[in-house]
Amino acid sequence: MDRTDSKTDTPAAHGSSRDVLRANLIATRVKHGAKSAVGCHCSNIAELIKLPNPPADLLKRQMDGLQRLLAAQ
């Protein structure tokens, strides 16, 4: 049976998990301000994950910093 009423508005239907992560990072940057510490970390991570093989140590440092900042709020 073909279901034409099935829900297709899911993150998986919109692209790769990197695309979804990038969209979430950009939304967080907008929420906190692009020039805030949170916004800077979001921008850095969004740029790093666009690379085919992002440097793991740099990515971890940025993600740890973002997590620390968000936890402190």
C-alpha atoms as a PDB file:
ATOM      1  CA  MET A   1       0.000   0.000   0.000  1.00  0.00           C
ATOM      2  CA  ASP A   2       1.407   3.410  -0.984  1.00  0.00           C
ATOM      3  CA  ARG A   3       1.109   5.969   1.793  1.00  0.00           C
ATOM      4  CA  THR A   4       0.929   9.495   0.440  1.00  0.00           C
ATOM      5  CA  ASP A   5       0.021  10.921   3.820  1.00  0.00           C
ATOM      6  CA  SER A   6       3.174   9.709   5.572  1.00  0.00           C
ATOM      7  CA  LYS A   7       5.271  12.290   7.343  1.00  0.00           C
ATOM      8  CA  THR A   8       8.357  13.358   5.362  1.00  0.00           C
ATOM      9  CA  ASP A   9       9.265  16.398   7.421  1.00  0.00           C
ATOM     10  CA  THR A  10      11.939  14.611   9.434  1.00  0.00           C
ATOM     11  CA  PRO A  11      15.631  15.529   9.692  1.00  0.00           C
ATOM     12  CA  ALA A  12      16.585  12.360   7.830  1.00  0.00           C
ATOM     13  CA  ALA A  13      14.446  13.464   4.894  1.00  0.00           C
ATOM     14  CA  HIS A  14      16.302  16.762   4.630  1.00  0.00           C
ATOM     15  CA  GLY A  15      19.903  15.647   4.253  1.00  0.00           C
ATOM     16  CA  SER A  16      22.810  14.072   6.033  1.00  0.00           C
ATOM     17  CA  SER A  17      23.341  14.159   9.767  1.00  0.00           C
ATOM     18  CA  ARG A  18      26.124  16.704   9.178  1.00  0.00           C
ATOM     19  CA  ASP A  19      23.606  18.970   7.461  1.00  0.00           C
ATOM     20  CA  VAL A  20      21.213  18.616  10.383  1.00  0.00           C
ATOM     21  CA  LEU A  21      24.001  19.278  12.882  1.00  0.00           C
ATOM     22  CA  ARG A  22      25.098  22.333  10.910  1.00  0.00           C
ATOM     23  CA  ALA A  23      21.536  23.675  10.833  1.00  0.00           C
ATOM     24  CA  ASN A  24      21.249  23.214  14.613  1.00  0.00           C
ATOM     25  CA  LEU A  25      24.573  24.968  15.171  1.00  0.00           C
ATOM     26  CA  ILE A  26      23.482  27.902  13.033  1.00  0.00           C
ATOM     27  CA  ALA A  27      20.165  28.124  14.902  1.00  0.00           C
ATOM     28  CA  THR A  28      22.047  28.150  18.214  1.00  0.00           C
ATOM     29  CA  ARG A  29      24.384  30.845  16.878  1.00  0.00           C
ATOM     30  CA  VAL A  30      21.400  32.992  15.877  1.00  0.00           C
ATOM     31  CA  LYS A  31      19.769  32.468  19.285  1.00  0.00           C
ATOM     32  CA  HIS A  32      22.873  33.523  21.231  1.00  0.00           C
ATOM     33  CA  GLY A  33      24.304  36.044  18.778  1.00  0.00           C
ATOM     34  CA  ALA A  34      27.024  35.495  16.207  1.00  0.00           C
ATOM     35  CA  LYS A  35      29.593  37.505  18.169  1.00  0.00           C
ATOM     36  CA  SER A  36      28.961  35.783  21.490  1.00  0.00           C
ATOM     37  CA  ALA A  37      31.267  33.051  22.755  1.00  0.00           C
ATOM     38  CA  VAL A  38      28.553  30.464  22.035  1.00  0.00           C
ATOM     39  CA  GLY A  39      28.054  31.873  18.539  1.00  0.00           C
ATOM     40  CA  CYS A  40      31.786  31.762  17.795  1.00  0.00           C
ATOM     41  CA  HIS A  41      32.032  28.130  18.876  1.00  0.00           C
ATOM     42  CA  CYS A  42      28.990  27.272  16.736  1.00  0.00           C
ATOM     43  CA  SER A  43      30.547  28.975  13.713  1.00  0.00           C
ATOM     44  CA  ASN A  44      33.858  27.209  14.218  1.00  0.00           C
ATOM     45  CA  ILE A  45      32.223  23.793  14.539  1.00  0.00           C
ATOM     46  CA  ALA A  46      29.980  24.423  11.524  1.00  0.00           C
ATOM     47  CA  GLU A  47      33.041  25.246   9.422  1.00  0.00           C
ATOM     48  CA  LEU A  48      35.035  22.278  10.713  1.00  0.00           C
ATOM     49  CA  ILE A  49      32.329  19.733   9.930  1.00  0.00           C
ATOM     50  CA  LYS A  50      32.230  20.920   6.328  1.00  0.00           C
ATOM     51  CA  LEU A  51      35.727  19.469   5.905  1.00  0.00           C
ATOM     52  CA  PRO A  52      35.971  15.890   4.612  1.00  0.00           C
ATOM     53  CA  ASN A  53      38.273  14.917   7.524  1.00  0.00           C
ATOM     54  CA  PRO A  54      38.045  17.566  10.245  1.00  0.00           C
ATOM     55  CA  PRO A  55      40.939  17.618  12.732  1.00  0.00           C
ATOM     56  CA  ALA A  56      39.567  15.601  15.648  1.00  0.00           C
ATOM     57  CA  ASP A  57      41.460  17.535  18.335  1.00  0.00           C
ATOM     58  CA  LEU A  58      40.223  20.902  17.061  1.00  0.00           C
ATOM     59  CA  LEU A  59      36.662  19.655  16.723  1.00  0.00           C
ATOM     60  CA  LYS A  60      36.726  18.199  20.237  1.00  0.00           C
ATOM     61  CA  ARG A  61      38.127  21.413  21.705  1.00  0.00           C
ATOM     62  CA  GLN A  62      35.397  23.507  20.065  1.00  0.00           C
ATOM     63  CA  MET A  63      32.631  21.098  21.045  1.00  0.00           C
ATOM     64  CA  ASP A  64      33.860  20.881  24.647  1.00  0.00           C
ATOM     65  CA  GLY A  65      33.981  24.675  24.839  1.00  0.00           C
ATOM     66  CA  LEU A  66      30.454  24.994  23.455  1.00  0.00           C
ATOM     67  CA  GLN A  67      29.156  22.404  25.895  1.00  0.00           C
ATOM     68  CA  ARG A  68      30.810  24.234  28.809  1.00  0.00           C
ATOM     69  CA  LEU A  69      29.319  27.569  27.763  1.00  0.00           C
ATOM     70  CA  LEU A  70      25.814  26.166  27.308  1.00  0.00           C
ATOM     71  CA  ALA A  71      25.969  24.325  30.649  1.00  0.00           C
ATOM     72  CA  ALA A  72      26.937  27.551  32.430  1.00  0.00           C
ATOM     73  CA  GLN A  73      23.774  29.326  31.315  1.00  0.00           C
END
